[in-house]
Amino acid sequence: MNEASPYQSPQSDSVPPLPAGETESSAAQAFGVIHMIFGGMGILFGIWSIVGVFFSSAMSGVGMPQGPQRDSMIEVQKEYMAEVGWVSVMTGVFMLILAGLLLISGPKLWKKKAAGLRWSNRYAWTSIATKVVSLVVGLLVVMPASHRMTEALVKNMPGSSDAMAGIMSVSSSLGVLLGPIIGLVYPILALVMLNRPSVTRFLQD
């Protein structure tokens, strides 16, 4: 008959929590996986952003109803793309550069290498810089061109009104502003989360 010894500590059926080191180390690995996923997506979107400029003229007028205003509306779209096409190319180049940095840092973070953090920080600061440039270019170039295109398109639309023009202008402005601002979230998050002392001490050279 087995009896518990009074000198033996009582056993618990609960699972012991993971050591803090394991939790912090897994955070670096999680960012490594996300870096690789975003890097792959960045390659695809970057290539499309550059290549799409050369197909913009062919796509003008797609979905527009036939009518006397169609040719003038197509011309307005072509003028807009001629004015801001270089911005799409610039954005595509930015995406490819950032994707390359993510694809370098991601595997290294997965392997808990300190070099992964260095490359991740390079990505984060480069990403923040490109978002600031994109925001300035959007305000100075894309937004005015978008407003001119919107006004020209509304004039050629049957039954258009000033209210419709205002709604379209606001929508285009929000698109120009929100893109870079939302894009700042991930690099800032990577900077904050990966540079905590509790994380960096588990990364090895």
Protein backbone atom coordinates (compact mmCIF):
# COMPACT_ATOMS: atom_id res chain seq x y z
CA MET A 1 0.00 0.00 0.00
CA ASN A 2 1.55 3.20 -1.23
CA GLU A 3 1.12 6.17 1.07
CA ALA A 4 2.33 9.68 0.39
CA SER A 5 5.34 10.61 2.43
CA PRO A 6 4.86 13.60 4.70
CA TYR A 7 8.27 14.83 3.51
CA GLN A 8 7.26 14.78 -0.15
CA SER A 9 5.83 17.93 -1.70
CA PRO A 10 2.30 17.50 -3.05
CA GLN A 11 2.12 16.87 -6.81
CA SER A 12 0.11 19.12 -9.10
CA ASP A 13 -1.58 18.10 -12.32
CA SER A 14 -1.24 21.60 -13.82
CA VAL A 15 1.24 22.13 -16.67
CA PRO A 16 4.11 24.39 -15.62
CA PRO A 17 4.31 27.68 -17.53
CA LEU A 18 6.94 28.19 -20.20
CA PRO A 19 10.09 29.90 -18.98
CA ALA A 20 10.24 33.59 -19.88
CA GLY A 21 13.15 32.92 -22.21
CA GLU A 22 11.10 30.55 -24.33
CA THR A 23 8.33 33.13 -24.70
CA GLU A 24 10.67 35.95 -25.71
CA SER A 25 12.62 33.72 -28.06
CA SER A 26 9.44 32.62 -29.83
CA ALA A 27 8.53 36.29 -30.38
CA ALA A 28 11.65 36.75 -32.52
CA GLN A 29 10.82 33.60 -34.46
CA ALA A 30 7.24 34.76 -35.02
CA PHE A 31 8.47 38.03 -36.50
CA GLY A 32 10.87 36.01 -38.63
CA VAL A 33 7.97 34.12 -40.19
CA ILE A 34 5.92 37.30 -40.71
CA HIS A 35 8.97 39.00 -42.28
CA MET A 36 9.28 36.18 -44.79
CA ILE A 37 5.56 36.26 -45.64
CA PHE A 38 5.54 40.04 -46.10
CA GLY A 39 8.78 39.81 -48.08
CA GLY A 40 7.24 37.37 -50.54
CA MET A 41 4.15 39.54 -50.90
CA GLY A 42 6.34 42.62 -51.37
CA ILE A 43 8.13 41.00 -54.30
CA LEU A 44 4.82 40.30 -56.06
CA PHE A 45 3.25 43.70 -55.37
CA GLY A 46 6.46 45.53 -56.22
CA ILE A 47 6.75 43.85 -59.61
CA TRP A 48 3.09 44.50 -60.34
CA SER A 49 3.38 48.17 -59.34
CA ILE A 50 6.16 48.64 -61.90
CA VAL A 51 4.78 46.46 -64.68
CA GLY A 52 1.24 47.79 -64.24
CA VAL A 53 2.33 51.24 -65.42
CA PHE A 54 2.96 49.86 -68.90
CA PHE A 55 -0.55 48.38 -69.07
CA SER A 56 -2.39 51.42 -67.72
CA SER A 57 -3.10 52.86 -71.17
CA ALA A 58 -4.56 49.58 -72.40
CA MET A 59 -6.80 49.39 -69.32
CA SER A 60 -8.18 52.90 -69.73
CA GLY A 61 -11.86 52.91 -70.45
CA VAL A 62 -12.48 49.36 -69.23
CA GLY A 63 -15.98 49.14 -67.78
CA MET A 64 -17.07 52.52 -69.08
CA PRO A 65 -20.37 52.62 -70.97
CA GLN A 66 -20.25 53.51 -74.64
CA GLY A 67 -21.14 57.10 -75.38
CA PRO A 68 -19.86 60.45 -76.55
CA GLN A 69 -18.13 61.12 -73.23
CA ARG A 70 -16.15 57.86 -73.25
CA ASP A 71 -13.25 59.10 -75.39
CA SER A 72 -12.79 62.26 -73.34
CA MET A 73 -12.87 60.26 -70.09
CA ILE A 74 -10.28 57.85 -71.43
CA GLU A 75 -8.08 60.78 -72.36
CA VAL A 76 -8.40 62.18 -68.83
CA GLN A 77 -7.29 58.86 -67.36
CA LYS A 78 -4.31 58.64 -69.71
CA GLU A 79 -3.22 62.15 -68.77
CA TYR A 80 -3.44 61.25 -65.10
CA MET A 81 -1.33 58.11 -65.54
CA ALA A 82 1.24 60.02 -67.58
CA GLU A 83 1.51 62.49 -64.70
CA VAL A 84 1.77 60.03 -61.82
CA GLY A 85 3.12 56.89 -63.52
CA TRP A 86 6.60 57.52 -62.13
CA VAL A 87 5.14 57.43 -58.64
CA SER A 88 3.95 53.86 -59.21
CA VAL A 89 7.43 52.91 -60.39
CA MET A 90 8.98 54.56 -57.33
CA THR A 91 6.56 52.72 -55.06
CA GLY A 92 7.39 49.43 -56.76
CA VAL A 93 11.12 49.98 -56.28
CA PHE A 94 10.53 50.79 -52.61
CA MET A 95 8.54 47.56 -52.21
CA LEU A 96 11.28 45.46 -53.80
CA ILE A 97 13.98 46.99 -51.60
CA LEU A 98 11.94 46.43 -48.44
CA ALA A 99 11.05 42.90 -49.53
CA GLY A 100 14.74 42.12 -49.95
CA LEU A 101 15.52 43.36 -46.44
CA LEU A 102 12.64 41.32 -45.01
CA LEU A 103 13.75 38.17 -46.80
CA ILE A 104 17.28 38.61 -45.44
CA SER A 105 16.23 39.28 -41.85
CA GLY A 106 13.35 36.79 -41.64
CA PRO A 107 15.33 33.53 -41.81
CA LYS A 108 17.99 34.92 -39.46
CA LEU A 109 15.36 35.86 -36.88
CA TRP A 110 13.85 32.39 -37.21
CA LYS A 111 17.26 30.95 -36.34
CA LYS A 112 17.53 33.39 -33.38
CA LYS A 113 20.53 35.17 -34.87
CA ALA A 114 21.46 38.67 -33.76
CA ALA A 115 22.11 39.52 -37.42
CA GLY A 116 18.39 39.03 -38.00
CA LEU A 117 17.64 41.89 -35.62
CA ARG A 118 20.22 44.14 -37.32
CA TRP A 119 18.69 43.49 -40.73
CA SER A 120 15.19 43.88 -39.31
CA ASN A 121 16.12 47.29 -37.91
CA ARG A 122 17.54 48.27 -41.29
CA TYR A 123 14.25 47.23 -42.86
CA ALA A 124 12.19 49.13 -40.27
CA TRP A 125 14.05 52.43 -40.62
CA THR A 126 14.15 52.13 -44.41
CA SER A 127 10.43 51.38 -44.44
CA ILE A 128 9.65 54.40 -42.28
CA ALA A 129 11.75 56.61 -44.56
CA THR A 130 10.02 55.34 -47.71
CA LYS A 131 6.59 55.89 -46.16
CA VAL A 132 7.49 59.49 -45.34
CA VAL A 133 8.70 60.03 -48.93
CA SER A 134 5.53 58.41 -50.29
CA LEU A 135 3.38 60.62 -48.08
CA VAL A 136 5.14 63.80 -49.26
CA VAL A 137 4.94 62.74 -52.92
CA GLY A 138 1.30 61.84 -52.43
CA LEU A 139 0.48 65.26 -51.01
CA LEU A 140 2.46 67.25 -53.56
CA VAL A 141 1.95 65.19 -56.73
CA VAL A 142 -0.67 62.46 -56.54
CA MET A 143 -3.38 64.32 -54.65
CA PRO A 144 -3.47 67.41 -56.93
CA ALA A 145 -3.38 65.21 -60.04
CA SER A 146 -6.14 63.03 -58.61
CA HIS A 147 -8.32 66.04 -57.90
CA ARG A 148 -7.84 67.34 -61.46
CA MET A 149 -8.75 63.95 -62.88
CA THR A 150 -11.82 63.72 -60.63
CA GLU A 151 -13.07 67.14 -61.68
CA ALA A 152 -12.58 66.33 -65.36
CA LEU A 153 -14.32 62.96 -65.04
CA VAL A 154 -17.29 64.39 -63.16
CA LYS A 155 -17.79 67.07 -65.82
CA ASN A 156 -18.10 64.35 -68.45
CA MET A 157 -20.50 62.20 -66.42
CA PRO A 158 -24.20 62.62 -67.12
CA GLY A 159 -26.12 63.70 -64.05
CA SER A 160 -22.99 64.63 -62.11
CA SER A 161 -23.01 67.20 -59.34
CA ASP A 162 -20.66 69.18 -57.13
CA ALA A 163 -21.49 66.83 -54.26
CA MET A 164 -20.36 63.84 -56.30
CA ALA A 165 -17.13 65.62 -57.19
CA GLY A 166 -16.54 66.40 -53.52
CA ILE A 167 -17.09 62.79 -52.46
CA MET A 168 -14.73 61.47 -55.12
CA SER A 169 -12.06 64.02 -54.18
CA VAL A 170 -12.28 63.12 -50.49
CA SER A 171 -12.08 59.40 -51.30
CA SER A 172 -8.98 59.85 -53.44
CA SER A 173 -7.36 62.02 -50.77
CA LEU A 174 -7.98 59.42 -48.08
CA GLY A 175 -6.41 56.76 -50.28
CA VAL A 176 -3.28 58.85 -50.75
CA LEU A 177 -2.94 59.58 -47.02
CA LEU A 178 -3.98 56.32 -45.40
CA GLY A 179 -1.72 54.05 -47.45
CA PRO A 180 1.61 55.36 -46.09
CA ILE A 181 0.20 55.95 -42.59
CA ILE A 182 -1.09 52.38 -42.25
CA GLY A 183 2.17 51.14 -43.75
CA LEU A 184 4.05 52.62 -40.78
CA VAL A 185 2.40 50.27 -38.29
CA TYR A 186 4.40 47.10 -38.97
CA PRO A 187 7.95 48.57 -39.08
CA ILE A 188 7.30 50.53 -35.89
CA LEU A 189 5.89 47.41 -34.24
CA ALA A 190 8.98 45.43 -35.31
CA LEU A 191 11.28 48.10 -33.88
CA VAL A 192 9.48 48.18 -30.54
CA MET A 193 8.93 44.46 -30.04
CA LEU A 194 12.25 43.10 -31.29
CA ASN A 195 14.53 45.61 -29.58
CA ARG A 196 13.33 44.87 -26.06
CA PRO A 197 16.22 43.71 -23.84
CA SER A 198 14.20 40.61 -22.91
CA VAL A 199 14.23 39.61 -26.61
CA THR A 200 17.71 40.68 -27.67
CA ARG A 201 19.45 38.66 -24.93
CA PHE A 202 18.26 35.44 -26.57
CA LEU A 203 19.62 36.32 -30.03
CA GLN A 204 23.04 34.91 -30.79
CA ASP A 205 25.81 36.07 -33.11
